[in-house]
Amino acid sequence: ATITSGGSTNYVDSVKGRFTISRDNAKNTVYLQMNSLKPED
């Protein structure tokens, strides 16, 4: 997954709908929320 300074995101097909990338500029932190995890993850 990628996230630009403008907030645009992209995901590999295998994680679309399950993973979410986000950023909190105030905390200088990027997150990856992973739901419905599979063994192949």
PDB file of all heavy atoms in Angstrom:
ATOM      1  N   ALA A   1       0.833  -1.196   0.000  1.00  0.00           N
ATOM      2  CA  ALA A   1       0.000   0.000   0.000  1.00  0.00           C
ATOM      3  C   ALA A   1       0.864   1.241   0.000  1.00  0.00           C
ATOM      4  O   ALA A   1       1.961   1.241   0.560  1.00  0.00           O
ATOM      5  CB  ALA A   1      -0.926   0.015   1.218  1.00  0.00           C
ATOM      6  N   THR A   2       0.376   2.299  -0.628  1.00  0.00           N
ATOM      7  CA  THR A   2       1.071   3.580  -0.645  1.00  0.00           C
ATOM      8  C   THR A   2       0.107   4.695  -0.271  1.00  0.00           C
ATOM      9  O   THR A   2      -1.104   4.578  -0.472  1.00  0.00           O
ATOM     10  CB  THR A   2       1.674   3.905  -2.022  1.00  0.00           C
ATOM     11  OG1 THR A   2       0.627   4.005  -2.989  1.00  0.00           O
ATOM     12  CG2 THR A   2       2.662   2.834  -2.454  1.00  0.00           C
ATOM     13  N   ILE A   3       0.665   5.774   0.255  1.00  0.00           N
ATOM     14  CA  ILE A   3      -0.115   6.976   0.515  1.00  0.00           C
ATOM     15  C   ILE A   3       0.770   8.182   0.216  1.00  0.00           C
ATOM     16  O   ILE A   3       1.907   8.257   0.669  1.00  0.00           O
ATOM     17  CB  ILE A   3      -0.673   7.010   1.956  1.00  0.00           C
ATOM     18  CG1 ILE A   3      -1.582   8.236   2.147  1.00  0.00           C
ATOM     19  CG2 ILE A   3       0.447   6.966   2.993  1.00  0.00           C
ATOM     20  CD1 ILE A   3      -2.435   8.145   3.405  1.00  0.00           C
ATOM     21  N   THR A   4       0.261   9.106  -0.578  1.00  0.00           N
ATOM     22  CA  THR A   4       1.012  10.294  -0.944  1.00  0.00           C
ATOM     23  C   THR A   4       0.776  11.403   0.064  1.00  0.00           C
ATOM     24  O   THR A   4      -0.089  11.316   0.937  1.00  0.00           O
ATOM     25  CB  THR A   4       0.613  10.786  -2.339  1.00  0.00           C
ATOM     26  OG1 THR A   4      -0.736  11.283  -2.298  1.00  0.00           O
ATOM     27  CG2 THR A   4       0.710   9.665  -3.366  1.00  0.00           C
ATOM     28  N   SER A   5       1.550  12.479  -0.076  1.00  0.00           N
ATOM     29  CA  SER A   5       1.380  13.633   0.802  1.00  0.00           C
ATOM     30  C   SER A   5      -0.002  14.248   0.645  1.00  0.00           C
ATOM     31  O   SER A   5      -0.499  14.897   1.567  1.00  0.00           O
ATOM     32  CB  SER A   5       2.452  14.678   0.519  1.00  0.00           C
ATOM     33  OG  SER A   5       2.408  15.106  -0.830  1.00  0.00           O
ATOM     34  N   GLY A   6      -0.618  14.038  -0.514  1.00  0.00           N
ATOM     35  CA  GLY A   6      -1.951  14.541  -0.755  1.00  0.00           C
ATOM     36  C   GLY A   6      -3.061  13.619  -0.294  1.00  0.00           C
ATOM     37  O   GLY A   6      -4.240  13.966  -0.416  1.00  0.00           O
ATOM     38  N   GLY A   7      -2.702  12.437   0.213  1.00  0.00           N
ATOM     39  CA  GLY A   7      -3.690  11.515   0.739  1.00  0.00           C
ATOM     40  C   GLY A   7      -4.174  10.463  -0.231  1.00  0.00           C
ATOM     41  O   GLY A   7      -5.044   9.658   0.119  1.00  0.00           O
ATOM     42  N   SER A   8      -3.631  10.445  -1.436  1.00  0.00           N
ATOM     43  CA  SER A   8      -4.022   9.429  -2.403  1.00  0.00           C
ATOM     44  C   SER A   8      -3.438   8.077  -2.005  1.00  0.00           C
ATOM     45  O   SER A   8      -2.275   7.988  -1.619  1.00  0.00           O
ATOM     46  CB  SER A   8      -3.541   9.825  -3.792  1.00  0.00           C
ATOM     47  OG  SER A   8      -3.873   8.842  -4.746  1.00  0.00           O
ATOM     48  N   THR A   9      -4.240   7.015  -2.116  1.00  0.00           N
ATOM     49  CA  THR A   9      -3.803   5.681  -1.705  1.00  0.00           C
ATOM     50  C   THR A   9      -3.890   4.690  -2.848  1.00  0.00           C
ATOM     51  O   THR A   9      -4.700   4.839  -3.770  1.00  0.00           O
ATOM     52  CB  THR A   9      -4.633   5.157  -0.530  1.00  0.00           C
ATOM     53  OG1 THR A   9      -6.015   5.090  -0.909  1.00  0.00           O
ATOM     54  CG2 THR A   9      -4.494   6.067   0.682  1.00  0.00           C
ATOM     55  N   ASN A  10      -3.051   3.654  -2.774  1.00  0.00           N
ATOM     56  CA  ASN A  10      -3.084   2.536  -3.699  1.00  0.00           C
ATOM     57  C   ASN A  10      -2.802   1.260  -2.931  1.00  0.00           C
ATOM     58  O   ASN A  10      -2.069   1.270  -1.939  1.00  0.00           O
ATOM     59  CB  ASN A  10      -2.052   2.702  -4.820  1.00  0.00           C
ATOM     60  CG  ASN A  10      -2.562   3.529  -5.969  1.00  0.00           C
ATOM     61  OD1 ASN A  10      -3.593   3.223  -6.553  1.00  0.00           O
ATOM     62  ND2 ASN A  10      -1.839   4.586  -6.302  1.00  0.00           N
ATOM     63  N   TYR A  11      -3.383   0.147  -3.415  1.00  0.00           N
ATOM     64  CA  TYR A  11      -3.232  -1.140  -2.760  1.00  0.00           C
ATOM     65  C   TYR A  11      -2.991  -2.230  -3.785  1.00  0.00           C
ATOM     66  O   TYR A  11      -3.517  -2.182  -4.901  1.00  0.00           O
ATOM     67  CB  TYR A  11      -4.485  -1.511  -1.960  1.00  0.00           C
ATOM     68  CG  TYR A  11      -4.856  -0.519  -0.896  1.00  0.00           C
ATOM     69  CD1 TYR A  11      -5.712   0.539  -1.185  1.00  0.00           C
ATOM     70  CD2 TYR A  11      -4.367  -0.646   0.398  1.00  0.00           C
ATOM     71  CE1 TYR A  11      -6.058   1.459  -0.206  1.00  0.00           C
ATOM     72  CE2 TYR A  11      -4.716   0.271   1.379  1.00  0.00           C
ATOM     73  CZ  TYR A  11      -5.561   1.312   1.070  1.00  0.00           C
ATOM     74  OH  TYR A  11      -5.900   2.218   2.050  1.00  0.00           O
ATOM     75  N   VAL A  12      -2.222  -3.235  -3.380  1.00  0.00           N
ATOM     76  CA  VAL A  12      -2.103  -4.417  -4.201  1.00  0.00           C
ATOM     77  C   VAL A  12      -3.459  -5.138  -4.181  1.00  0.00           C
ATOM     78  O   VAL A  12      -4.190  -5.086  -3.186  1.00  0.00           O
ATOM     79  CB  VAL A  12      -0.970  -5.331  -3.691  1.00  0.00           C
ATOM     80  CG1 VAL A  12      -1.301  -5.919  -2.332  1.00  0.00           C
ATOM     81  CG2 VAL A  12      -0.643  -6.411  -4.698  1.00  0.00           C
ATOM     82  N   ASP A  13      -3.807  -5.779  -5.291  1.00  0.00           N
ATOM     83  CA  ASP A  13      -5.133  -6.367  -5.426  1.00  0.00           C
ATOM     84  C   ASP A  13      -5.481  -7.334  -4.293  1.00  0.00           C
ATOM     85  O   ASP A  13      -6.637  -7.400  -3.856  1.00  0.00           O
ATOM     86  CB  ASP A  13      -5.253  -7.092  -6.768  1.00  0.00           C
ATOM     87  CG  ASP A  13      -5.381  -6.138  -7.940  1.00  0.00           C
ATOM     88  OD1 ASP A  13      -5.655  -4.946  -7.715  1.00  0.00           O
ATOM     89  OD2 ASP A  13      -5.206  -6.596  -9.083  1.00  0.00           O
ATOM     90  N   SER A  14      -4.510  -8.076  -3.816  1.00  0.00           N
ATOM     91  CA  SER A  14      -4.775  -9.109  -2.835  1.00  0.00           C
ATOM     92  C   SER A  14      -5.231  -8.575  -1.478  1.00  0.00           C
ATOM     93  O   SER A  14      -5.764  -9.337  -0.665  1.00  0.00           O
ATOM     94  CB  SER A  14      -3.540  -9.994  -2.644  1.00  0.00           C
ATOM     95  OG  SER A  14      -2.438  -9.236  -2.181  1.00  0.00           O
ATOM     96  N   VAL A  15      -5.041  -7.283  -1.207  1.00  0.00           N
ATOM     97  CA  VAL A  15      -5.435  -6.728   0.088  1.00  0.00           C
ATOM     98  C   VAL A  15      -6.547  -5.691  -0.021  1.00  0.00           C
ATOM     99  O   VAL A  15      -7.017  -5.188   1.008  1.00  0.00           O
ATOM    100  CB  VAL A  15      -4.240  -6.110   0.843  1.00  0.00           C
ATOM    101  CG1 VAL A  15      -3.083  -7.094   0.912  1.00  0.00           C
ATOM    102  CG2 VAL A  15      -3.799  -4.792   0.204  1.00  0.00           C
ATOM    103  N   LYS A  16      -6.983  -5.380  -1.220  1.00  0.00           N
ATOM    104  CA  LYS A  16      -8.034  -4.389  -1.400  1.00  0.00           C
ATOM    105  C   LYS A  16      -9.302  -4.805  -0.664  1.00  0.00           C
ATOM    106  O   LYS A  16      -9.733  -5.947  -0.741  1.00  0.00           O
ATOM    107  CB  LYS A  16      -8.334  -4.183  -2.885  1.00  0.00           C
ATOM    108  CG  LYS A  16      -7.252  -3.420  -3.623  1.00  0.00           C
ATOM    109  CD  LYS A  16      -7.605  -3.227  -5.096  1.00  0.00           C
ATOM    110  CE  LYS A  16      -6.529  -2.427  -5.809  1.00  0.00           C
ATOM    111  NZ  LYS A  16      -6.816  -2.287  -7.259  1.00  0.00           N
ATOM    112  N   GLY A  17      -9.871  -3.861   0.054  1.00  0.00           N
ATOM    113  CA  GLY A  17     -11.065  -4.136   0.830  1.00  0.00           C
ATOM    114  C   GLY A  17     -10.789  -4.669   2.213  1.00  0.00           C
ATOM    115  O   GLY A  17     -11.711  -4.742   3.037  1.00  0.00           O
ATOM    116  N   ARG A  18      -9.551  -5.049   2.487  1.00  0.00           N
ATOM    117  CA  ARG A  18      -9.182  -5.590   3.790  1.00  0.00           C
ATOM    118  C   ARG A  18      -8.197  -4.706   4.545  1.00  0.00           C
ATOM    119  O   ARG A  18      -8.267  -4.607   5.767  1.00  0.00           O
ATOM    120  CB  ARG A  18      -8.580  -6.987   3.646  1.00  0.00           C
ATOM    121  CG  ARG A  18      -9.510  -7.999   2.992  1.00  0.00           C
ATOM    122  CD  ARG A  18      -8.938  -9.411   3.061  1.00  0.00           C
ATOM    123  NE  ARG A  18      -7.685  -9.536   2.331  1.00  0.00           N
ATOM    124  CZ  ARG A  18      -6.524  -9.881   2.890  1.00  0.00           C
ATOM    125  NH1 ARG A  18      -6.460 -10.133   4.195  1.00  0.00           N
ATOM    126  NH2 ARG A  18      -5.426  -9.990   2.144  1.00  0.00           N
ATOM    127  N   PHE A  19      -7.269  -4.069   3.824  1.00  0.00           N
ATOM    128  CA  PHE A  19      -6.241  -3.236   4.444  1.00  0.00           C
ATOM    129  C   PHE A  19      -6.517  -1.767   4.167  1.00  0.00           C
ATOM    130  O   PHE A  19      -7.030  -1.410   3.099  1.00  0.00           O
ATOM    131  CB  PHE A  19      -4.855  -3.567   3.889  1.00  0.00           C
ATOM    132  CG  PHE A  19      -4.295  -4.912   4.288  1.00  0.00           C
ATOM    133  CD1 PHE A  19      -5.080  -5.868   4.907  1.00  0.00           C
ATOM    134  CD2 PHE A  19      -2.963  -5.200   4.029  1.00  0.00           C
ATOM    135  CE1 PHE A  19      -4.559  -7.102   5.262  1.00  0.00           C
ATOM    136  CE2 PHE A  19      -2.424  -6.428   4.381  1.00  0.00           C
ATOM    137  CZ  PHE A  19      -3.219  -7.380   4.995  1.00  0.00           C
ATOM    138  N   THR A  20      -6.137  -0.907   5.105  1.00  0.00           N
ATOM    139  CA  THR A  20      -6.266   0.529   4.936  1.00  0.00           C
ATOM    140  C   THR A  20      -4.998   1.217   5.415  1.00  0.00           C
ATOM    141  O   THR A  20      -4.592   1.030   6.562  1.00  0.00           O
ATOM    142  CB  THR A  20      -7.464   1.089   5.713  1.00  0.00           C
ATOM    143  OG1 THR A  20      -8.670   0.438   5.294  1.00  0.00           O
ATOM    144  CG2 THR A  20      -7.605   2.593   5.457  1.00  0.00           C
ATOM    145  N   ILE A  21      -4.373   2.006   4.544  1.00  0.00           N
ATOM    146  CA  ILE A  21      -3.214   2.797   4.925  1.00  0.00           C
ATOM    147  C   ILE A  21      -3.677   4.212   5.242  1.00  0.00           C
ATOM    148  O   ILE A  21      -4.555   4.760   4.575  1.00  0.00           O
ATOM    149  CB  ILE A  21      -2.135   2.796   3.819  1.00  0.00           C
ATOM    150  CG1 ILE A  21      -0.854   3.490   4.309  1.00  0.00           C
ATOM    151  CG2 ILE A  21      -2.648   3.432   2.539  1.00  0.00           C
ATOM    152  CD1 ILE A  21       0.322   3.344   3.343  1.00  0.00           C
ATOM    153  N   SER A  22      -3.095   4.801   6.278  1.00  0.00           N
ATOM    154  CA  SER A  22      -3.436   6.161   6.662  1.00  0.00           C
ATOM    155  C   SER A  22      -2.212   6.831   7.266  1.00  0.00           C
ATOM    156  O   SER A  22      -1.227   6.170   7.600  1.00  0.00           O
ATOM    157  CB  SER A  22      -4.607   6.183   7.651  1.00  0.00           C
ATOM    158  OG  SER A  22      -4.278   5.505   8.844  1.00  0.00           O
ATOM    159  N   ARG A  23      -2.276   8.143   7.389  1.00  0.00           N
ATOM    160  CA  ARG A  23      -1.165   8.873   7.990  1.00  0.00           C
ATOM    161  C   ARG A  23      -1.694   9.946   8.920  1.00  0.00           C
ATOM    162  O   ARG A  23      -2.744  10.547   8.675  1.00  0.00           O
ATOM    163  CB  ARG A  23      -0.255   9.477   6.910  1.00  0.00           C
ATOM    164  CG  ARG A  23      -0.939  10.496   5.998  1.00  0.00           C
ATOM    165  CD  ARG A  23      -0.103  10.782   4.747  1.00  0.00           C
ATOM    166  NE  ARG A  23       1.183  11.382   5.060  1.00  0.00           N
ATOM    167  CZ  ARG A  23       2.195  11.492   4.202  1.00  0.00           C
ATOM    168  NH1 ARG A  23       2.058  11.012   2.959  1.00  0.00           N
ATOM    169  NH2 ARG A  23       3.327  12.061   4.567  1.00  0.00           N
ATOM    170  N   ASP A  24      -0.959  10.187   9.996  1.00  0.00           N
ATOM    171  CA  ASP A  24      -1.260  11.245  10.948  1.00  0.00           C
ATOM    172  C   ASP A  24      -0.041  12.147  10.974  1.00  0.00           C
ATOM    173  O   ASP A  24       0.952  11.855  11.638  1.00  0.00           O
ATOM    174  CB  ASP A  24      -1.557  10.668  12.329  1.00  0.00           C
ATOM    175  CG  ASP A  24      -2.019  11.723  13.316  1.00  0.00           C
ATOM    176  OD1 ASP A  24      -1.698  12.913  13.135  1.00  0.00           O
ATOM    177  OD2 ASP A  24      -2.718  11.354  14.285  1.00  0.00           O
ATOM    178  N   ASN A  25      -0.107  13.240  10.236  1.00  0.00           N
ATOM    179  CA  ASN A  25       1.050  14.126  10.117  1.00  0.00           C
ATOM    180  C   ASN A  25       1.450  14.737  11.456  1.00  0.00           C
ATOM    181  O   ASN A  25       2.633  14.960  11.712  1.00  0.00           O
ATOM    182  CB  ASN A  25       0.765  15.231   9.103  1.00  0.00           C
ATOM    183  CG  ASN A  25       0.676  14.717   7.684  1.00  0.00           C
ATOM    184  OD1 ASN A  25       1.207  13.656   7.364  1.00  0.00           O
ATOM    185  ND2 ASN A  25       0.015  15.466   6.821  1.00  0.00           N
ATOM    186  N   ALA A  26       0.478  15.020  12.310  1.00  0.00           N
ATOM    187  CA  ALA A  26       0.773  15.615  13.608  1.00  0.00           C
ATOM    188  C   ALA A  26       1.600  14.679  14.478  1.00  0.00           C
ATOM    189  O   ALA A  26       2.384  15.128  15.316  1.00  0.00           O
ATOM    190  CB  ALA A  26      -0.516  15.999  14.323  1.00  0.00           C
ATOM    191  N   LYS A  27       1.414  13.375  14.303  1.00  0.00           N
ATOM    192  CA  LYS A  27       2.148  12.383  15.083  1.00  0.00           C
ATOM    193  C   LYS A  27       3.310  11.767  14.312  1.00  0.00           C
ATOM    194  O   LYS A  27       3.991  10.885  14.835  1.00  0.00           O
ATOM    195  CB  LYS A  27       1.205  11.277  15.551  1.00  0.00           C
ATOM    196  CG  LYS A  27       0.125  11.755  16.502  1.00  0.00           C
ATOM    197  CD  LYS A  27      -0.760  10.605  16.950  1.00  0.00           C
ATOM    198  CE  LYS A  27      -1.810  11.077  17.944  1.00  0.00           C
ATOM    199  NZ  LYS A  27      -2.685   9.973  18.388  1.00  0.00           N
ATOM    200  N   ASN A  28       3.527  12.214  13.079  1.00  0.00           N
ATOM    201  CA  ASN A  28       4.590  11.675  12.229  1.00  0.00           C
ATOM    202  C   ASN A  28       4.516  10.153  12.143  1.00  0.00           C
ATOM    203  O   ASN A  28       5.535   9.460  12.241  1.00  0.00           O
ATOM    204  CB  ASN A  28       5.968  12.113  12.731  1.00  0.00           C
ATOM    205  CG  ASN A  28       6.189  13.600  12.607  1.00  0.00           C
ATOM    206  OD1 ASN A  28       5.686  14.244  11.683  1.00  0.00           O
ATOM    207  ND2 ASN A  28       6.950  14.162  13.539  1.00  0.00           N
ATOM    208  N   THR A  29       3.315   9.657  11.938  1.00  0.00           N
ATOM    209  CA  THR A  29       3.083   8.224  11.974  1.00  0.00           C
ATOM    210  C   THR A  29       2.202   7.788  10.809  1.00  0.00           C
ATOM    211  O   THR A  29       1.240   8.474  10.456  1.00  0.00           O
ATOM    212  CB  THR A  29       2.430   7.802  13.301  1.00  0.00           C
ATOM    213  OG1 THR A  29       3.283   8.183  14.386  1.00  0.00           O
ATOM    214  CG2 THR A  29       2.215   6.304  13.351  1.00  0.00           C
ATOM    215  N   VAL A  30       2.558   6.648  10.230  1.00  0.00           N
ATOM    216  CA  VAL A  30       1.762   6.004   9.192  1.00  0.00           C
ATOM    217  C   VAL A  30       1.244   4.688   9.741  1.00  0.00           C
ATOM    218  O   VAL A  30       1.958   3.986  10.463  1.00  0.00           O
ATOM    219  CB  VAL A  30       2.597   5.767   7.923  1.00  0.00           C
ATOM    220  CG1 VAL A  30       1.778   5.036   6.863  1.00  0.00           C
ATOM    221  CG2 VAL A  30       3.091   7.100   7.372  1.00  0.00           C
ATOM    222  N   TYR A  31       0.015   4.354   9.405  1.00  0.00           N
ATOM    223  CA  TYR A  31      -0.615   3.143   9.910  1.00  0.00           C
ATOM    224  C   TYR A  31      -1.024   2.223   8.773  1.00  0.00           C
ATOM    225  O   TYR A  31      -1.272   2.660   7.651  1.00  0.00           O
ATOM    226  CB  TYR A  31      -1.871   3.481  10.726  1.00  0.00           C
ATOM    227  CG  TYR A  31      -1.632   4.416  11.872  1.00  0.00           C
ATOM    228  CD1 TYR A  31      -1.850   5.783  11.735  1.00  0.00           C
ATOM    229  CD2 TYR A  31      -1.197   3.941  13.106  1.00  0.00           C
ATOM    230  CE1 TYR A  31      -1.634   6.653  12.787  1.00  0.00           C
ATOM    231  CE2 TYR A  31      -0.978   4.800  14.163  1.00  0.00           C
ATOM    232  CZ  TYR A  31      -1.199   6.156  14.000  1.00  0.00           C
ATOM    233  OH  TYR A  31      -0.985   7.014  15.057  1.00  0.00           O
ATOM    234  N   LEU A  32      -1.094   0.946   9.091  1.00  0.00           N
ATOM    235  CA  LEU A  32      -1.689  -0.022   8.188  1.00  0.00           C
ATOM    236  C   LEU A  32      -2.666  -0.861   8.998  1.00  0.00           C
ATOM    237  O   LEU A  32      -2.254  -1.699   9.804  1.00  0.00           O
ATOM    238  CB  LEU A  32      -0.635  -0.922   7.535  1.00  0.00           C
ATOM    239  CG  LEU A  32      -1.175  -1.895   6.485  1.00  0.00           C
ATOM    240  CD1 LEU A  32      -1.679  -1.130   5.261  1.00  0.00           C
ATOM    241  CD2 LEU A  32      -0.112  -2.909   6.075  1.00  0.00           C
ATOM    242  N   GLN A  33      -3.951  -0.604   8.809  1.00  0.00           N
ATOM    243  CA  GLN A  33      -4.992  -1.385   9.460  1.00  0.00           C
ATOM    244  C   GLN A  33      -5.266  -2.616   8.608  1.00  0.00           C
ATOM    245  O   GLN A  33      -5.605  -2.493   7.432  1.00  0.00           O
ATOM    246  CB  GLN A  33      -6.267  -0.565   9.620  1.00  0.00           C
ATOM    247  CG  GLN A  33      -7.423  -1.315  10.263  1.00  0.00           C
ATOM    248  CD  GLN A  33      -7.158  -1.686  11.703  1.00  0.00           C
ATOM    249  OE1 GLN A  33      -6.685  -0.844  12.476  1.00  0.00           O
ATOM    250  NE2 GLN A  33      -7.429  -2.920  12.078  1.00  0.00           N
ATOM    251  N   MET A  34      -5.115  -3.788   9.194  1.00  0.00           N
ATOM    252  CA  MET A  34      -5.268  -5.036   8.476  1.00  0.00           C
ATOM    253  C   MET A  34      -6.425  -5.819   9.088  1.00  0.00           C
ATOM    254  O   MET A  34      -6.357  -6.232  10.243  1.00  0.00           O
ATOM    255  CB  MET A  34      -3.979  -5.858   8.521  1.00  0.00           C
ATOM    256  CG  MET A  34      -2.750  -5.100   8.031  1.00  0.00           C
ATOM    257  SD  MET A  34      -1.260  -6.132   7.963  1.00  0.00           S
ATOM    258  CE  MET A  34      -1.038  -6.471   9.711  1.00  0.00           C
ATOM    259  N   ASN A  35      -7.469  -6.017   8.310  1.00  0.00           N
ATOM    260  CA  ASN A  35      -8.643  -6.763   8.741  1.00  0.00           C
ATOM    261  C   ASN A  35      -8.791  -8.034   7.915  1.00  0.00           C
ATOM    262  O   ASN A  35      -8.218  -8.159   6.837  1.00  0.00           O
ATOM    263  CB  ASN A  35      -9.904  -5.906   8.606  1.00  0.00           C
ATOM    264  CG  ASN A  35      -9.877  -4.659   9.449  1.00  0.00           C
ATOM    265  OD1 ASN A  35      -9.339  -4.657  10.557  1.00  0.00           O
ATOM    266  ND2 ASN A  35     -10.475  -3.586   8.943  1.00  0.00           N
ATOM    267  N   SER A  36      -9.588  -8.952   8.420  1.00  0.00           N
ATOM    268  CA  SER A  36      -9.856 -10.212   7.724  1.00  0.00           C
ATOM    269  C   SER A  36      -8.563 -10.873   7.268  1.00  0.00           C
ATOM    270  O   SER A  36      -8.419 -11.297   6.121  1.00  0.00           O
ATOM    271  CB  SER A  36     -10.783  -9.969   6.528  1.00  0.00           C
ATOM    272  OG  SER A  36     -12.004  -9.392   6.943  1.00  0.00           O
ATOM    273  N   LEU A  37      -7.624 -10.978   8.172  1.00  0.00           N
ATOM    274  CA  LEU A  37      -6.305 -11.498   7.828  1.00  0.00           C
ATOM    275  C   LEU A  37      -6.366 -12.958   7.410  1.00  0.00           C
ATOM    276  O   LEU A  37      -7.164 -13.740   7.927  1.00  0.00           O
ATOM    277  CB  LEU A  37      -5.351 -11.323   9.001  1.00  0.00           C
ATOM    278  CG  LEU A  37      -4.821  -9.896   9.169  1.00  0.00           C
ATOM    279  CD1 LEU A  37      -4.259  -9.688  10.570  1.00  0.00           C
ATOM    280  CD2 LEU A  37      -3.751  -9.606   8.117  1.00  0.00           C
ATOM    281  N   LYS A  38      -5.506 -13.295   6.461  1.00  0.00           N
ATOM    282  CA  LYS A  38      -5.400 -14.640   5.918  1.00  0.00           C
ATOM    283  C   LYS A  38      -3.997 -15.170   6.141  1.00  0.00           C
ATOM    284  O   LYS A  38      -3.050 -14.395   6.261  1.00  0.00           O
ATOM    285  CB  LYS A  38      -5.697 -14.630   4.416  1.00  0.00           C
ATOM    286  CG  LYS A  38      -7.036 -14.026   4.032  1.00  0.00           C
ATOM    287  CD  LYS A  38      -7.172 -13.935   2.520  1.00  0.00           C
ATOM    288  CE  LYS A  38      -8.496 -13.330   2.122  1.00  0.00           C
ATOM    289  NZ  LYS A  38      -8.631 -13.220   0.641  1.00  0.00           N
ATOM    290  N   PRO A  39      -3.828 -16.490   6.185  1.00  0.00           N
ATOM    291  CA  PRO A  39      -2.479 -17.046   6.350  1.00  0.00           C
ATOM    292  C   PRO A  39      -1.495 -16.541   5.300  1.00  0.00           C
ATOM    293  O   PRO A  39      -0.310 -16.365   5.605  1.00  0.00           O
ATOM    294  CB  PRO A  39      -2.707 -18.556   6.224  1.00  0.00           C
ATOM    295  CG  PRO A  39      -4.092 -18.753   6.734  1.00  0.00           C
ATOM    296  CD  PRO A  39      -4.856 -17.548   6.242  1.00  0.00           C
ATOM    297  N   GLU A  40      -1.957 -16.283   4.089  1.00  0.00           N
ATOM    298  CA  GLU A  40      -1.072 -15.792   3.044  1.00  0.00           C
ATOM    299  C   GLU A  40      -0.603 -14.361   3.271  1.00  0.00           C
ATOM    300  O   GLU A  40       0.256 -13.867   2.536  1.00  0.00           O
ATOM    301  CB  GLU A  40      -1.727 -15.923   1.661  1.00  0.00           C
ATOM    302  CG  GLU A  40      -3.126 -15.352   1.584  1.00  0.00           C
ATOM    303  CD  GLU A  40      -4.207 -16.412   1.741  1.00  0.00           C
ATOM    304  OE1 GLU A  40      -4.087 -17.260   2.656  1.00  0.00           O
ATOM    305  OE2 GLU A  40      -5.164 -16.406   0.944  1.00  0.00           O
ATOM    306  N   ASP A  41      -1.153 -13.678   4.273  1.00  0.00           N
ATOM    307  CA  ASP A  41      -0.667 -12.358   4.652  1.00  0.00           C
ATOM    308  C   ASP A  41       0.575 -12.437   5.534  1.00  0.00           C
ATOM    309  O   ASP A  41       1.183 -11.400   5.829  1.00  0.00           O
ATOM    310  CB  ASP A  41      -1.746 -11.571   5.394  1.00  0.00           C
ATOM    311  CG  ASP A  41      -2.945 -11.253   4.521  1.00  0.00           C
ATOM    312  OD1 ASP A  41      -2.759 -10.891   3.344  1.00  0.00           O
ATOM    313  OD2 ASP A  41      -4.076 -11.356   5.028  1.00  0.00           O
TER     314      ASP A  41
END
